[in-house]
């Protein structure tokens, strides 16, 4: 399994670059705080749409517009289903295709499959790191890196839901300095 992951990452390595650690996230969906807020908002929106539909159907209808109006809640409820159910499932499936690699020169976050891409973080660009370890040894390492684009944005990325998080953190701590 580890050898297969290393083989998938090898095409993205640069000259004289070696893989020190490579793995996939163990948890398919660990929602972040904004994602939890979207899920809650989606559920509230669905409840509102059901209320809208029921109240519209129970009201006295006099003209054709008031007869049609309650049924507008049905397409609007799709937005609630998107945020509370469909989007979390799609995020989970996308995270399933992620491979993390720590090399002697940088950190790679590679998404394999149809729309493959690689995010890379050179050690010189990684600022503070934070670790969130669970009791079972899994956890997340947050990387705070300054992106090298026109705006020099300060962004947060990470290695999410991995096993042996303490071991990987020590490797990164030695490399980042």
N, C-alpha and C. Protein backbone atom coordinates (compact mmCIF):
# COMPACT_ATOMS: atom_id res chain seq x y z
N UNK A 1 0.83 -1.19 0.00
CA UNK A 1 0.00 0.00 0.00
C UNK A 1 0.88 1.26 0.00
N UNK A 2 1.84 1.32 0.89
CA UNK A 2 2.73 2.48 0.97
C UNK A 2 3.58 2.60 -0.29
N UNK A 3 3.99 1.46 -0.84
CA UNK A 3 4.79 1.47 -2.07
C UNK A 3 3.95 2.00 -3.24
N UNK A 4 2.69 1.62 -3.31
CA UNK A 4 1.80 2.12 -4.35
C UNK A 4 1.63 3.64 -4.27
N UNK A 5 1.48 4.14 -3.04
CA UNK A 5 1.34 5.58 -2.85
C UNK A 5 2.61 6.31 -3.29
N UNK A 6 3.75 5.77 -2.93
CA UNK A 6 5.02 6.37 -3.31
C UNK A 6 5.17 6.41 -4.83
N UNK A 7 4.74 5.34 -5.49
CA UNK A 7 4.82 5.29 -6.95
C UNK A 7 3.91 6.33 -7.60
N UNK A 8 2.76 6.62 -6.97
CA UNK A 8 1.86 7.63 -7.51
C UNK A 8 2.42 9.04 -7.37
N UNK A 9 3.21 9.26 -6.33
CA UNK A 9 3.77 10.59 -6.07
C UNK A 9 5.07 10.82 -6.84
N UNK A 10 5.78 9.76 -7.19
CA UNK A 10 7.09 9.90 -7.84
C UNK A 10 7.11 10.81 -9.06
N UNK A 11 6.11 10.81 -9.93
CA UNK A 11 6.17 11.71 -11.08
C UNK A 11 6.24 13.20 -10.71
N UNK A 12 5.84 13.55 -9.49
CA UNK A 12 5.82 14.94 -9.07
C UNK A 12 7.10 15.36 -8.34
N UNK A 13 8.02 14.42 -8.15
CA UNK A 13 9.26 14.74 -7.46
C UNK A 13 10.23 15.48 -8.37
N UNK A 14 11.02 16.34 -7.75
CA UNK A 14 12.04 17.08 -8.49
C UNK A 14 13.36 16.32 -8.39
N UNK A 15 14.36 16.84 -9.05
CA UNK A 15 15.68 16.21 -9.07
C UNK A 15 16.26 16.16 -7.64
N UNK A 16 16.83 15.02 -7.28
CA UNK A 16 17.45 14.78 -5.96
C UNK A 16 16.45 14.91 -4.81
N UNK A 17 15.20 14.63 -5.08
CA UNK A 17 14.18 14.70 -4.04
C UNK A 17 13.79 13.28 -3.63
N UNK A 18 13.74 13.04 -2.33
CA UNK A 18 13.39 11.72 -1.79
C UNK A 18 12.17 11.83 -0.90
N UNK A 19 11.35 10.80 -0.92
CA UNK A 19 10.17 10.76 -0.08
C UNK A 19 10.57 10.27 1.31
N UNK A 20 10.29 11.09 2.33
CA UNK A 20 10.55 10.70 3.71
C UNK A 20 9.34 10.03 4.34
N UNK A 21 8.16 10.44 3.94
CA UNK A 21 6.92 9.89 4.46
C UNK A 21 5.83 10.11 3.42
N UNK A 22 4.93 9.15 3.30
CA UNK A 22 3.84 9.23 2.33
C UNK A 22 2.65 8.44 2.87
N UNK A 23 1.45 9.03 2.80
CA UNK A 23 0.26 8.33 3.27
C UNK A 23 -0.99 9.04 2.77
N UNK A 24 -2.13 8.41 3.01
CA UNK A 24 -3.44 8.97 2.67
C UNK A 24 -4.17 9.30 3.97
N UNK A 25 -5.14 10.20 3.91
CA UNK A 25 -5.94 10.45 5.12
C UNK A 25 -6.72 9.20 5.51
N UNK A 26 -6.81 8.95 6.79
CA UNK A 26 -7.53 7.77 7.26
C UNK A 26 -9.01 8.02 7.45
N UNK A 27 -9.37 9.27 7.72
CA UNK A 27 -10.77 9.61 7.89
C UNK A 27 -11.26 10.24 6.59
N UNK A 28 -12.36 9.73 6.05
CA UNK A 28 -12.86 10.25 4.78
C UNK A 28 -13.47 11.64 4.93
N UNK A 29 -14.18 11.88 6.00
CA UNK A 29 -14.80 13.20 6.15
C UNK A 29 -14.69 13.66 7.58
N UNK A 30 -13.80 14.59 7.83
CA UNK A 30 -13.70 15.26 9.11
C UNK A 30 -14.01 16.72 8.82
N UNK A 31 -15.23 17.15 9.09
CA UNK A 31 -15.62 18.50 8.68
C UNK A 31 -14.90 19.59 9.46
N UNK A 32 -14.56 20.65 8.76
CA UNK A 32 -13.99 21.82 9.40
C UNK A 32 -15.14 22.66 9.95
N UNK A 33 -14.83 23.69 10.73
CA UNK A 33 -15.87 24.52 11.32
C UNK A 33 -16.77 25.18 10.27
N UNK A 34 -16.21 25.75 9.19
CA UNK A 34 -17.11 26.31 8.16
C UNK A 34 -18.00 25.25 7.51
N UNK A 35 -17.49 24.04 7.34
CA UNK A 35 -18.30 22.97 6.75
C UNK A 35 -19.43 22.56 7.69
N UNK A 36 -19.18 22.52 8.99
CA UNK A 36 -20.23 22.23 9.97
C UNK A 36 -21.30 23.31 9.91
N UNK A 37 -20.86 24.56 9.80
CA UNK A 37 -21.82 25.67 9.70
C UNK A 37 -22.69 25.53 8.45
N UNK A 38 -22.08 25.13 7.32
CA UNK A 38 -22.85 24.92 6.09
C UNK A 38 -23.86 23.80 6.26
N UNK A 39 -23.48 22.72 6.91
CA UNK A 39 -24.39 21.60 7.13
C UNK A 39 -25.58 22.04 7.98
N UNK A 40 -25.30 22.77 9.07
CA UNK A 40 -26.38 23.26 9.94
C UNK A 40 -27.28 24.22 9.17
N UNK A 41 -26.67 25.14 8.40
CA UNK A 41 -27.44 26.08 7.60
C UNK A 41 -28.33 25.33 6.59
N UNK A 42 -27.80 24.28 5.97
CA UNK A 42 -28.58 23.48 5.02
C UNK A 42 -29.78 22.82 5.67
N UNK A 43 -29.59 22.30 6.88
CA UNK A 43 -30.69 21.66 7.60
C UNK A 43 -31.76 22.69 7.97
N UNK A 44 -31.32 23.86 8.45
CA UNK A 44 -32.27 24.93 8.78
C UNK A 44 -33.03 25.36 7.53
N UNK A 45 -32.35 25.45 6.39
CA UNK A 45 -32.98 25.85 5.13
C UNK A 45 -34.04 24.82 4.70
N UNK A 46 -33.73 23.55 4.86
CA UNK A 46 -34.71 22.50 4.51
C UNK A 46 -35.95 22.62 5.40
N UNK A 47 -35.74 22.84 6.70
CA UNK A 47 -36.86 23.00 7.62
C UNK A 47 -37.72 24.21 7.22
N UNK A 48 -37.05 25.31 6.85
CA UNK A 48 -37.78 26.50 6.40
C UNK A 48 -38.60 26.18 5.15
N UNK A 49 -38.03 25.44 4.21
CA UNK A 49 -38.75 25.12 2.97
C UNK A 49 -39.94 24.21 3.23
N UNK A 50 -39.78 23.28 4.15
CA UNK A 50 -40.92 22.41 4.51
C UNK A 50 -42.03 23.25 5.15
N UNK A 51 -41.63 24.16 6.05
CA UNK A 51 -42.61 25.06 6.68
C UNK A 51 -43.33 25.89 5.62
N UNK A 52 -42.58 26.43 4.66
CA UNK A 52 -43.11 27.25 3.57
C UNK A 52 -44.14 26.44 2.77
N UNK A 53 -43.77 25.21 2.43
CA UNK A 53 -44.65 24.36 1.63
C UNK A 53 -45.93 24.02 2.40
N UNK A 54 -45.80 23.61 3.65
CA UNK A 54 -46.96 23.21 4.45
C UNK A 54 -47.89 24.40 4.69
N UNK A 55 -47.32 25.53 5.08
CA UNK A 55 -48.17 26.71 5.34
C UNK A 55 -48.85 27.18 4.05
N UNK A 56 -48.16 27.10 2.94
CA UNK A 56 -48.77 27.50 1.67
C UNK A 56 -49.89 26.58 1.25
N UNK A 57 -49.74 25.28 1.52
CA UNK A 57 -50.79 24.33 1.16
C UNK A 57 -51.99 24.43 2.08
N UNK A 58 -51.76 24.83 3.34
CA UNK A 58 -52.88 24.96 4.29
C UNK A 58 -53.63 26.28 4.14
N UNK A 59 -53.02 27.26 3.52
CA UNK A 59 -53.66 28.58 3.36
C UNK A 59 -54.76 28.50 2.31
N UNK A 60 -55.72 29.43 2.46
CA UNK A 60 -56.78 29.51 1.47
C UNK A 60 -56.22 30.05 0.17
N UNK A 61 -56.55 29.41 -0.91
CA UNK A 61 -56.05 29.82 -2.22
C UNK A 61 -57.17 30.49 -3.00
N UNK A 62 -56.88 31.68 -3.47
CA UNK A 62 -57.91 32.40 -4.22
C UNK A 62 -57.54 32.60 -5.68
N UNK A 63 -56.26 32.81 -5.97
CA UNK A 63 -55.87 33.02 -7.37
C UNK A 63 -54.79 32.00 -7.74
N UNK A 64 -54.43 32.00 -9.00
CA UNK A 64 -53.48 30.99 -9.49
C UNK A 64 -52.08 31.18 -8.89
N UNK A 65 -51.68 32.43 -8.57
CA UNK A 65 -50.35 32.68 -8.01
C UNK A 65 -50.22 32.08 -6.61
N UNK A 66 -51.24 32.22 -5.82
CA UNK A 66 -51.18 31.66 -4.46
C UNK A 66 -51.26 30.14 -4.48
N UNK A 67 -51.77 29.57 -5.56
CA UNK A 67 -51.78 28.11 -5.68
C UNK A 67 -50.40 27.58 -6.07
N UNK A 68 -49.66 28.36 -6.83
CA UNK A 68 -48.33 27.94 -7.30
C UNK A 68 -47.24 28.25 -6.28
N UNK A 69 -47.40 29.36 -5.54
CA UNK A 69 -46.36 29.85 -4.64
C UNK A 69 -45.82 28.79 -3.66
N UNK A 70 -46.65 27.97 -3.00
CA UNK A 70 -46.10 26.99 -2.05
C UNK A 70 -45.13 25.99 -2.70
N UNK A 71 -45.38 25.67 -3.97
CA UNK A 71 -44.55 24.68 -4.64
C UNK A 71 -43.16 25.21 -5.01
N UNK A 72 -42.96 26.52 -4.91
CA UNK A 72 -41.63 27.09 -5.12
C UNK A 72 -40.66 26.65 -4.03
N UNK A 73 -41.18 26.20 -2.91
CA UNK A 73 -40.32 25.71 -1.83
C UNK A 73 -39.57 24.45 -2.23
N UNK A 74 -40.10 23.69 -3.16
CA UNK A 74 -39.45 22.43 -3.56
C UNK A 74 -38.10 22.67 -4.23
N UNK A 75 -38.01 23.52 -5.27
CA UNK A 75 -36.67 23.75 -5.83
C UNK A 75 -35.73 24.48 -4.86
N UNK A 76 -36.28 25.36 -4.01
CA UNK A 76 -35.44 26.05 -3.04
C UNK A 76 -34.86 25.10 -2.00
N UNK A 77 -35.57 24.01 -1.72
CA UNK A 77 -35.06 23.04 -0.75
C UNK A 77 -33.82 22.33 -1.29
N UNK A 78 -33.65 22.33 -2.62
CA UNK A 78 -32.45 21.74 -3.21
C UNK A 78 -31.18 22.39 -2.69
N UNK A 79 -31.22 23.68 -2.42
CA UNK A 79 -30.07 24.38 -1.85
C UNK A 79 -29.73 23.81 -0.47
N UNK A 80 -30.73 23.54 0.32
CA UNK A 80 -30.51 22.94 1.63
C UNK A 80 -29.92 21.55 1.53
N UNK A 81 -30.42 20.76 0.58
CA UNK A 81 -29.87 19.41 0.38
C UNK A 81 -28.43 19.48 -0.12
N UNK A 82 -28.12 20.50 -0.94
CA UNK A 82 -26.74 20.65 -1.42
C UNK A 82 -25.78 20.86 -0.24
N UNK A 83 -26.10 21.81 0.64
CA UNK A 83 -25.21 22.14 1.74
C UNK A 83 -25.18 21.10 2.84
N UNK A 84 -26.29 20.42 3.09
CA UNK A 84 -26.33 19.49 4.22
C UNK A 84 -25.99 18.05 3.85
N UNK A 85 -26.10 17.68 2.59
CA UNK A 85 -25.92 16.28 2.22
C UNK A 85 -24.97 16.08 1.03
N UNK A 86 -25.26 16.70 -0.09
CA UNK A 86 -24.51 16.44 -1.32
C UNK A 86 -23.08 16.95 -1.24
N UNK A 87 -22.90 18.21 -0.82
CA UNK A 87 -21.55 18.78 -0.75
C UNK A 87 -20.64 18.01 0.22
N UNK A 88 -21.11 17.65 1.44
CA UNK A 88 -20.23 16.87 2.33
C UNK A 88 -19.83 15.51 1.73
N UNK A 89 -20.74 14.87 1.01
CA UNK A 89 -20.41 13.58 0.38
C UNK A 89 -19.37 13.79 -0.71
N UNK A 90 -19.54 14.82 -1.55
CA UNK A 90 -18.57 15.09 -2.60
C UNK A 90 -17.20 15.45 -2.03
N UNK A 91 -17.16 16.23 -0.95
CA UNK A 91 -15.89 16.55 -0.30
C UNK A 91 -15.22 15.30 0.24
N UNK A 92 -16.01 14.42 0.81
CA UNK A 92 -15.47 13.18 1.34
C UNK A 92 -14.86 12.32 0.24
N UNK A 93 -15.55 12.23 -0.89
CA UNK A 93 -15.03 11.45 -2.01
C UNK A 93 -13.77 12.08 -2.59
N UNK A 94 -13.73 13.42 -2.63
CA UNK A 94 -12.53 14.09 -3.14
C UNK A 94 -11.35 13.90 -2.20
N UNK A 95 -11.60 13.94 -0.90
CA UNK A 95 -10.52 13.74 0.07
C UNK A 95 -9.98 12.32 0.04
N UNK A 96 -10.80 11.40 -0.43
CA UNK A 96 -10.37 10.01 -0.52
C UNK A 96 -9.24 9.84 -1.54
N UNK A 97 -9.14 10.76 -2.51
CA UNK A 97 -8.14 10.66 -3.56
C UNK A 97 -6.87 11.45 -3.26
N UNK A 98 -6.75 11.99 -2.04
CA UNK A 98 -5.59 12.80 -1.67
C UNK A 98 -4.47 11.92 -1.15
N UNK A 99 -3.25 12.26 -1.54
CA UNK A 99 -2.05 11.61 -1.02
C UNK A 99 -1.14 12.71 -0.49
N UNK A 100 -0.67 12.53 0.74
CA UNK A 100 0.27 13.47 1.34
C UNK A 100 1.67 12.87 1.25
N UNK A 101 2.65 13.73 0.97
CA UNK A 101 4.03 13.28 0.93
C UNK A 101 4.92 14.35 1.56
N UNK A 102 5.85 13.89 2.39
CA UNK A 102 6.87 14.76 2.95
C UNK A 102 8.18 14.32 2.34
N UNK A 103 8.86 15.24 1.66
CA UNK A 103 10.13 14.90 1.03
C UNK A 103 11.25 15.65 1.75
N UNK A 104 12.45 15.46 1.25
CA UNK A 104 13.58 16.17 1.85
C UNK A 104 13.60 17.65 1.47
N UNK A 105 12.72 18.09 0.55
CA UNK A 105 12.71 19.48 0.10
C UNK A 105 11.40 20.22 0.34
N UNK A 106 10.27 19.48 0.42
CA UNK A 106 8.97 20.16 0.51
C UNK A 106 7.88 19.19 0.96
N UNK A 107 6.70 19.75 1.16
CA UNK A 107 5.50 18.97 1.49
C UNK A 107 4.61 18.99 0.26
N UNK A 108 4.10 17.82 -0.13
CA UNK A 108 3.22 17.70 -1.28
C UNK A 108 1.83 17.26 -0.83
N UNK A 109 0.82 17.91 -1.38
CA UNK A 109 -0.57 17.48 -1.21
C UNK A 109 -1.06 17.20 -2.61
N UNK A 110 -1.15 15.93 -2.95
CA UNK A 110 -1.49 15.53 -4.32
C UNK A 110 -2.89 14.93 -4.35
N UNK A 111 -3.71 15.43 -5.28
CA UNK A 111 -5.03 14.85 -5.51
C UNK A 111 -4.96 14.07 -6.81
N UNK A 112 -5.16 12.79 -6.71
CA UNK A 112 -5.09 11.91 -7.87
C UNK A 112 -6.46 11.76 -8.50
N UNK A 113 -6.50 11.18 -9.66
CA UNK A 113 -7.76 10.93 -10.33
C UNK A 113 -7.95 11.86 -11.51
N UNK A 114 -9.21 12.10 -11.84
CA UNK A 114 -9.56 12.87 -13.02
C UNK A 114 -8.95 14.26 -13.10
N UNK A 115 -9.16 15.06 -12.09
CA UNK A 115 -8.64 16.42 -12.08
C UNK A 115 -7.45 16.50 -11.13
N UNK A 116 -6.38 15.82 -11.49
CA UNK A 116 -5.21 15.73 -10.61
C UNK A 116 -4.51 17.09 -10.50
N UNK A 117 -4.06 17.38 -9.30
CA UNK A 117 -3.26 18.57 -9.06
C UNK A 117 -2.35 18.32 -7.86
N UNK A 118 -1.33 19.14 -7.71
CA UNK A 118 -0.41 19.02 -6.59
C UNK A 118 -0.18 20.40 -6.00
N UNK A 119 -0.41 20.51 -4.71
CA UNK A 119 -0.02 21.71 -3.96
C UNK A 119 1.32 21.40 -3.33
N UNK A 120 2.23 22.35 -3.39
CA UNK A 120 3.54 22.11 -2.79
C UNK A 120 3.88 23.25 -1.85
N UNK A 121 4.55 22.90 -0.76
CA UNK A 121 4.96 23.87 0.25
C UNK A 121 6.43 23.64 0.54
N UNK A 122 7.27 24.57 0.07
CA UNK A 122 8.70 24.50 0.37
C UNK A 122 8.88 24.79 1.86
N UNK A 123 9.86 24.16 2.48
CA UNK A 123 10.06 24.33 3.91
C UNK A 123 10.36 25.78 4.28
N UNK A 124 11.01 26.51 3.41
CA UNK A 124 11.33 27.91 3.70
C UNK A 124 10.08 28.78 3.73
N UNK A 125 9.00 28.34 3.09
CA UNK A 125 7.75 29.11 3.05
C UNK A 125 6.79 28.73 4.17
N UNK A 126 7.05 27.61 4.85
CA UNK A 126 6.16 27.16 5.92
C UNK A 126 6.53 27.92 7.19
N UNK A 127 5.55 28.60 7.76
CA UNK A 127 5.77 29.32 9.01
C UNK A 127 5.50 28.42 10.20
N UNK A 128 4.67 28.92 11.09
CA UNK A 128 4.30 28.14 12.26
C UNK A 128 3.51 26.91 11.84
N UNK A 129 3.66 25.85 12.60
CA UNK A 129 2.85 24.65 12.38
C UNK A 129 2.11 24.35 13.67
N UNK A 130 0.94 23.79 13.55
CA UNK A 130 0.17 23.35 14.71
C UNK A 130 -0.21 21.90 14.50
N UNK A 131 -0.22 21.16 15.58
CA UNK A 131 -0.61 19.75 15.51
C UNK A 131 -1.85 19.54 16.36
N UNK A 132 -2.77 18.77 15.85
CA UNK A 132 -3.96 18.34 16.60
C UNK A 132 -3.96 16.83 16.59
N UNK A 133 -3.58 16.24 17.71
CA UNK A 133 -3.49 14.77 17.79
C UNK A 133 -4.68 14.22 18.57
N UNK A 134 -5.22 13.12 18.09
CA UNK A 134 -6.29 12.41 18.77
C UNK A 134 -5.67 11.32 19.66
N UNK A 135 -6.49 10.75 20.51
CA UNK A 135 -6.00 9.70 21.42
C UNK A 135 -5.54 8.45 20.68
N UNK A 136 -6.09 8.19 19.50
CA UNK A 136 -5.75 6.98 18.75
C UNK A 136 -4.50 7.15 17.87
N UNK A 137 -3.83 8.30 17.95
CA UNK A 137 -2.61 8.52 17.16
C UNK A 137 -2.84 9.21 15.83
N UNK A 138 -4.11 9.34 15.45
CA UNK A 138 -4.40 10.07 14.22
C UNK A 138 -4.45 11.56 14.54
N UNK A 139 -4.44 12.38 13.50
CA UNK A 139 -4.53 13.81 13.75
C UNK A 139 -4.27 14.62 12.50
N UNK A 140 -4.07 15.91 12.71
CA UNK A 140 -3.88 16.87 11.63
C UNK A 140 -2.71 17.77 11.97
N UNK A 141 -1.94 18.11 10.94
CA UNK A 141 -0.88 19.10 11.08
C UNK A 141 -1.27 20.27 10.18
N UNK A 142 -1.41 21.44 10.79
CA UNK A 142 -1.73 22.65 10.04
C UNK A 142 -0.44 23.34 9.64
N UNK A 143 -0.34 23.66 8.36
CA UNK A 143 0.83 24.37 7.83
C UNK A 143 0.40 25.80 7.53
N UNK A 144 1.14 26.75 8.03
CA UNK A 144 0.86 28.15 7.72
C UNK A 144 1.96 28.60 6.77
N UNK A 145 1.59 28.81 5.52
CA UNK A 145 2.59 29.09 4.50
C UNK A 145 2.23 30.37 3.76
N UNK A 146 3.24 31.08 3.35
CA UNK A 146 3.04 32.26 2.54
C UNK A 146 3.10 31.83 1.09
N UNK A 147 1.99 31.96 0.39
CA UNK A 147 1.93 31.56 -1.01
C UNK A 147 2.77 32.51 -1.84
N UNK A 148 3.45 31.98 -2.83
CA UNK A 148 4.31 32.79 -3.67
C UNK A 148 3.57 33.22 -4.93
N UNK A 149 2.51 33.98 -4.78
CA UNK A 149 1.80 34.54 -5.92
C UNK A 149 1.89 36.06 -5.86
N UNK A 150 1.18 36.74 -6.71
CA UNK A 150 1.26 38.20 -6.77
C UNK A 150 0.86 38.87 -5.46
N UNK A 151 -0.08 38.28 -4.76
CA UNK A 151 -0.60 38.92 -3.56
C UNK A 151 0.13 38.49 -2.29
N UNK A 152 0.99 37.48 -2.36
CA UNK A 152 1.72 36.96 -1.19
C UNK A 152 0.74 36.70 -0.04
N UNK A 153 -0.30 35.94 -0.34
CA UNK A 153 -1.33 35.66 0.64
C UNK A 153 -0.82 34.71 1.72
N UNK A 154 -1.31 34.88 2.93
CA UNK A 154 -1.01 34.00 4.04
C UNK A 154 -2.12 32.97 4.11
N UNK A 155 -1.82 31.73 3.86
CA UNK A 155 -2.86 30.71 3.78
C UNK A 155 -2.61 29.59 4.78
N UNK A 156 -3.65 28.85 5.05
CA UNK A 156 -3.55 27.68 5.92
C UNK A 156 -3.86 26.45 5.10
N UNK A 157 -3.00 25.49 5.19
CA UNK A 157 -3.25 24.21 4.57
C UNK A 157 -2.88 23.18 5.61
N UNK A 158 -2.93 21.94 5.25
CA UNK A 158 -2.57 20.96 6.25
C UNK A 158 -2.53 19.55 5.71
N UNK A 159 -2.11 18.69 6.61
CA UNK A 159 -2.09 17.25 6.38
C UNK A 159 -3.14 16.70 7.33
N UNK A 160 -4.30 16.37 6.79
CA UNK A 160 -5.48 16.08 7.59
C UNK A 160 -5.72 14.58 7.77
N UNK A 161 -6.13 14.20 8.98
CA UNK A 161 -6.62 12.85 9.25
C UNK A 161 -5.63 11.73 9.00
N UNK A 162 -4.37 11.91 9.42
CA UNK A 162 -3.34 10.90 9.15
C UNK A 162 -3.01 10.10 10.40
N UNK A 163 -2.47 8.91 10.21
CA UNK A 163 -1.96 8.11 11.31
C UNK A 163 -0.55 8.59 11.65
N UNK A 164 -0.09 8.25 12.84
CA UNK A 164 1.26 8.61 13.29
C UNK A 164 1.54 10.10 13.12
N UNK A 165 0.61 10.91 13.53
CA UNK A 165 0.73 12.35 13.34
C UNK A 165 1.93 12.92 14.09
N UNK A 166 2.26 12.36 15.24
CA UNK A 166 3.41 12.84 16.02
C UNK A 166 4.71 12.60 15.26
N UNK A 167 4.83 11.44 14.64
CA UNK A 167 6.04 11.10 13.87
C UNK A 167 6.22 12.06 12.69
N UNK A 168 5.15 12.31 11.96
CA UNK A 168 5.22 13.20 10.81
C UNK A 168 5.53 14.63 11.27
N UNK A 169 4.95 15.04 12.40
CA UNK A 169 5.21 16.37 12.93
C UNK A 169 6.69 16.55 13.27
N UNK A 170 7.30 15.52 13.84
CA UNK A 170 8.73 15.58 14.17
C UNK A 170 9.58 15.69 12.92
N UNK A 171 9.22 14.95 11.87
CA UNK A 171 9.96 15.05 10.60
C UNK A 171 9.86 16.48 10.06
N UNK A 172 8.66 17.03 10.07
CA UNK A 172 8.45 18.39 9.56
C UNK A 172 9.17 19.43 10.41
N UNK A 173 9.14 19.23 11.72
CA UNK A 173 9.78 20.18 12.64
C UNK A 173 11.29 20.24 12.37
N UNK A 174 11.88 19.10 12.09
CA UNK A 174 13.31 19.06 11.78
C UNK A 174 13.61 19.77 10.45
N UNK A 175 12.73 19.64 9.49
CA UNK A 175 12.95 20.24 8.17
C UNK A 175 12.66 21.74 8.15
N UNK A 176 11.59 22.15 8.85
CA UNK A 176 11.22 23.55 8.84
C UNK A 176 12.22 24.38 9.66
N UNK A 177 12.71 23.76 10.72
CA UNK A 177 13.75 24.44 11.53
C UNK A 177 13.13 25.13 12.63
